[in-house]
């Protein structure tokens, strides 16, 4: 097994619990880690044997465009898409951050992190 990470992805999007947040938008950050077997990619040097970073980024970017009330829901959708589109990915962790959240005081960002492991097939 190996790990691929995309760190520090930034988006301007329209998520938030309050209607006003969904109208004015905000800056968001995403950190993503996936685990999969990287042995073949390492030995063959073929992109088809690994998880293409560009495709991972596109999946996250597409999910970031669809408004969500909760960061938890957004992270859940990202994980669902990755598990669906990359059948060989065994484990996903995604952190979604909202910069300057409306908490009534100074807060650089609020972050939610979700992890999911694909169930092992029964033998």
C-alpha atoms as a PDB file:
ATOM      1  CA  UNK A   1       0.000   0.000   0.000  1.00  0.00           C
ATOM      2  CA  UNK A   2       1.018   3.600  -0.536  1.00  0.00           C
ATOM      3  CA  UNK A   3      -0.419   7.038  -0.041  1.00  0.00           C
ATOM      4  CA  UNK A   4      -1.109   9.903  -2.431  1.00  0.00           C
ATOM      5  CA  UNK A   5      -1.890  13.344  -1.003  1.00  0.00           C
ATOM      6  CA  UNK A   6      -3.129  16.621  -2.440  1.00  0.00           C
ATOM      7  CA  UNK A   7      -2.548  19.344   0.132  1.00  0.00           C
ATOM      8  CA  UNK A   8      -3.539  22.969   0.261  1.00  0.00           C
ATOM      9  CA  UNK A   9      -6.216  22.953  -2.439  1.00  0.00           C
ATOM     10  CA  UNK A  10      -8.051  26.283  -2.378  1.00  0.00           C
ATOM     11  CA  UNK A  11     -11.463  27.195  -3.740  1.00  0.00           C
ATOM     12  CA  UNK A  12     -13.927  30.050  -3.587  1.00  0.00           C
ATOM     13  CA  UNK A  13     -17.335  28.482  -3.081  1.00  0.00           C
ATOM     14  CA  UNK A  14     -20.830  29.038  -1.720  1.00  0.00           C
ATOM     15  CA  UNK A  15     -21.247  26.691   1.248  1.00  0.00           C
ATOM     16  CA  UNK A  16     -22.597  27.446   4.688  1.00  0.00           C
ATOM     17  CA  UNK A  17     -25.398  26.897   7.119  1.00  0.00           C
ATOM     18  CA  UNK A  18     -26.685  30.458   6.777  1.00  0.00           C
ATOM     19  CA  UNK A  19     -28.359  31.627   3.573  1.00  0.00           C
ATOM     20  CA  UNK A  20     -26.093  34.681   3.549  1.00  0.00           C
ATOM     21  CA  UNK A  21     -22.993  32.443   3.378  1.00  0.00           C
ATOM     22  CA  UNK A  22     -24.389  30.722   0.323  1.00  0.00           C
ATOM     23  CA  UNK A  23     -24.953  34.088  -1.350  1.00  0.00           C
ATOM     24  CA  UNK A  24     -21.647  35.846  -0.679  1.00  0.00           C
ATOM     25  CA  UNK A  25     -19.319  32.832  -0.752  1.00  0.00           C
ATOM     26  CA  UNK A  26     -16.059  32.211   1.053  1.00  0.00           C
ATOM     27  CA  UNK A  27     -12.603  30.727   0.665  1.00  0.00           C
ATOM     28  CA  UNK A  28     -12.226  27.022   1.423  1.00  0.00           C
ATOM     29  CA  UNK A  29      -9.303  24.662   1.690  1.00  0.00           C
ATOM     30  CA  UNK A  30      -9.140  20.924   1.081  1.00  0.00           C
ATOM     31  CA  UNK A  31      -6.486  18.391   2.030  1.00  0.00           C
ATOM     32  CA  UNK A  32      -6.878  14.914   0.619  1.00  0.00           C
ATOM     33  CA  UNK A  33      -5.126  11.600   1.224  1.00  0.00           C
ATOM     34  CA  UNK A  34      -5.833   8.290  -0.486  1.00  0.00           C
ATOM     35  CA  UNK A  35      -4.273   4.896   0.058  1.00  0.00           C
ATOM     36  CA  UNK A  36      -3.931   2.327  -2.661  1.00  0.00           C
ATOM     37  CA  UNK A  37      -1.463  -0.213  -3.993  1.00  0.00           C
ATOM     38  CA  UNK A  38       1.309   1.779  -5.655  1.00  0.00           C
ATOM     39  CA  UNK A  39       3.623  -1.161  -6.356  1.00  0.00           C
ATOM     40  CA  UNK A  40       2.741  -1.541 -10.060  1.00  0.00           C
ATOM     41  CA  UNK A  41       2.985   2.192 -10.727  1.00  0.00           C
ATOM     42  CA  UNK A  42       6.362   2.225  -9.015  1.00  0.00           C
ATOM     43  CA  UNK A  43       7.682  -0.658 -11.070  1.00  0.00           C
ATOM     44  CA  UNK A  44       6.128   0.207 -14.467  1.00  0.00           C
ATOM     45  CA  UNK A  45       6.166   4.026 -14.430  1.00  0.00           C
ATOM     46  CA  UNK A  46       2.677   3.994 -16.043  1.00  0.00           C
ATOM     47  CA  UNK A  47       0.036   6.543 -15.023  1.00  0.00           C
ATOM     48  CA  UNK A  48      -2.745   4.009 -15.569  1.00  0.00           C
ATOM     49  CA  UNK A  49      -1.382   1.991 -12.612  1.00  0.00           C
ATOM     50  CA  UNK A  50      -1.938   4.747 -10.039  1.00  0.00           C
ATOM     51  CA  UNK A  51      -4.416   7.454  -9.038  1.00  0.00           C
ATOM     52  CA  UNK A  52      -4.098  10.414 -11.376  1.00  0.00           C
ATOM     53  CA  UNK A  53      -3.688  13.621  -9.303  1.00  0.00           C
ATOM     54  CA  UNK A  54      -5.383  15.675 -12.003  1.00  0.00           C
ATOM     55  CA  UNK A  55      -8.505  13.508 -11.872  1.00  0.00           C
ATOM     56  CA  UNK A  56      -8.520  13.628  -8.060  1.00  0.00           C
ATOM     57  CA  UNK A  57      -8.360  17.421  -8.203  1.00  0.00           C
ATOM     58  CA  UNK A  58     -11.207  17.549 -10.729  1.00  0.00           C
ATOM     59  CA  UNK A  59     -13.420  15.405  -8.480  1.00  0.00           C
ATOM     60  CA  UNK A  60     -12.817  17.720  -5.525  1.00  0.00           C
ATOM     61  CA  UNK A  61     -13.323  20.855  -7.652  1.00  0.00           C
ATOM     62  CA  UNK A  62     -16.646  19.559  -8.996  1.00  0.00           C
ATOM     63  CA  UNK A  63     -17.939  18.769  -5.505  1.00  0.00           C
ATOM     64  CA  UNK A  64     -16.810  22.187  -4.257  1.00  0.00           C
ATOM     65  CA  UNK A  65     -19.047  23.830  -6.884  1.00  0.00           C
ATOM     66  CA  UNK A  66     -22.246  22.234  -5.529  1.00  0.00           C
ATOM     67  CA  UNK A  67     -23.416  24.169  -2.425  1.00  0.00           C
ATOM     68  CA  UNK A  68     -23.670  22.398   0.928  1.00  0.00           C
ATOM     69  CA  UNK A  69     -24.874  23.626   4.306  1.00  0.00           C
ATOM     70  CA  UNK A  70     -22.327  21.623   6.322  1.00  0.00           C
ATOM     71  CA  UNK A  71     -18.629  20.928   5.817  1.00  0.00           C
ATOM     72  CA  UNK A  72     -19.360  17.399   7.017  1.00  0.00           C
ATOM     73  CA  UNK A  73     -21.729  16.865   4.101  1.00  0.00           C
ATOM     74  CA  UNK A  74     -19.241  18.290   1.642  1.00  0.00           C
ATOM     75  CA  UNK A  75     -16.443  16.012   2.902  1.00  0.00           C
ATOM     76  CA  UNK A  76     -18.810  13.039   2.748  1.00  0.00           C
ATOM     77  CA  UNK A  77     -19.669  13.789  -0.893  1.00  0.00           C
ATOM     78  CA  UNK A  78     -15.997  14.068  -1.837  1.00  0.00           C
ATOM     79  CA  UNK A  79     -15.246  10.690  -0.256  1.00  0.00           C
ATOM     80  CA  UNK A  80     -18.262   9.096  -1.974  1.00  0.00           C
ATOM     81  CA  UNK A  81     -17.079  10.328  -5.385  1.00  0.00           C
ATOM     82  CA  UNK A  82     -13.507   9.149  -4.869  1.00  0.00           C
ATOM     83  CA  UNK A  83     -14.618   5.698  -3.704  1.00  0.00           C
ATOM     84  CA  UNK A  84     -16.986   5.463  -6.682  1.00  0.00           C
ATOM     85  CA  UNK A  85     -14.526   6.660  -9.352  1.00  0.00           C
ATOM     86  CA  UNK A  86     -11.421   4.872  -8.080  1.00  0.00           C
ATOM     87  CA  UNK A  87     -12.327   1.275  -7.276  1.00  0.00           C
ATOM     88  CA  UNK A  88      -8.758   0.419  -6.293  1.00  0.00           C
ATOM     89  CA  UNK A  89      -8.546   3.134  -3.588  1.00  0.00           C
ATOM     90  CA  UNK A  90      -8.706   1.392  -0.205  1.00  0.00           C
ATOM     91  CA  UNK A  91      -8.861   4.383   2.146  1.00  0.00           C
ATOM     92  CA  UNK A  92      -9.670   8.096   1.892  1.00  0.00           C
ATOM     93  CA  UNK A  93      -9.207  10.982   4.299  1.00  0.00           C
ATOM     94  CA  UNK A  94     -10.453  14.462   3.445  1.00  0.00           C
ATOM     95  CA  UNK A  95     -10.253  17.682   5.440  1.00  0.00           C
ATOM     96  CA  UNK A  96     -12.374  20.648   4.410  1.00  0.00           C
ATOM     97  CA  UNK A  97     -11.641  24.053   5.921  1.00  0.00           C
ATOM     98  CA  UNK A  98     -13.689  27.246   5.843  1.00  0.00           C
ATOM     99  CA  UNK A  99     -11.601  30.388   6.192  1.00  0.00           C
ATOM    100  CA  UNK A 100     -12.868  33.116   8.546  1.00  0.00           C
ATOM    101  CA  UNK A 101     -16.039  31.266   9.605  1.00  0.00           C
ATOM    102  CA  UNK A 102     -18.860  33.287  11.168  1.00  0.00           C
ATOM    103  CA  UNK A 103     -18.320  32.279  14.807  1.00  0.00           C
ATOM    104  CA  UNK A 104     -18.718  35.701  16.420  1.00  0.00           C
ATOM    105  CA  UNK A 105     -14.994  36.210  16.958  1.00  0.00           C
ATOM    106  CA  UNK A 106     -11.566  35.703  15.463  1.00  0.00           C
ATOM    107  CA  UNK A 107     -11.104  32.272  13.894  1.00  0.00           C
ATOM    108  CA  UNK A 108      -8.759  31.663  10.968  1.00  0.00           C
ATOM    109  CA  UNK A 109     -10.589  28.564   9.832  1.00  0.00           C
ATOM    110  CA  UNK A 110     -12.977  25.808  10.838  1.00  0.00           C
ATOM    111  CA  UNK A 111     -12.014  22.315   9.673  1.00  0.00           C
ATOM    112  CA  UNK A 112     -13.810  19.001   9.388  1.00  0.00           C
ATOM    113  CA  UNK A 113     -11.946  15.753   8.698  1.00  0.00           C
ATOM    114  CA  UNK A 114     -13.603  12.509   7.610  1.00  0.00           C
ATOM    115  CA  UNK A 115     -12.000   9.136   6.883  1.00  0.00           C
ATOM    116  CA  UNK A 116     -13.395   6.054   5.233  1.00  0.00           C
ATOM    117  CA  UNK A 117     -11.929   2.638   4.601  1.00  0.00           C
ATOM    118  CA  UNK A 118     -13.343   0.406   1.883  1.00  0.00           C
ATOM    119  CA  UNK A 119     -14.608  -2.884   3.365  1.00  0.00           C
ATOM    120  CA  UNK A 120     -12.396  -5.863   2.626  1.00  0.00           C
ATOM    121  CA  UNK A 121     -14.005  -8.401   0.297  1.00  0.00           C
ATOM    122  CA  UNK A 122     -14.962 -11.682   1.913  1.00  0.00           C
ATOM    123  CA  UNK A 123     -12.885 -14.629   0.815  1.00  0.00           C
END
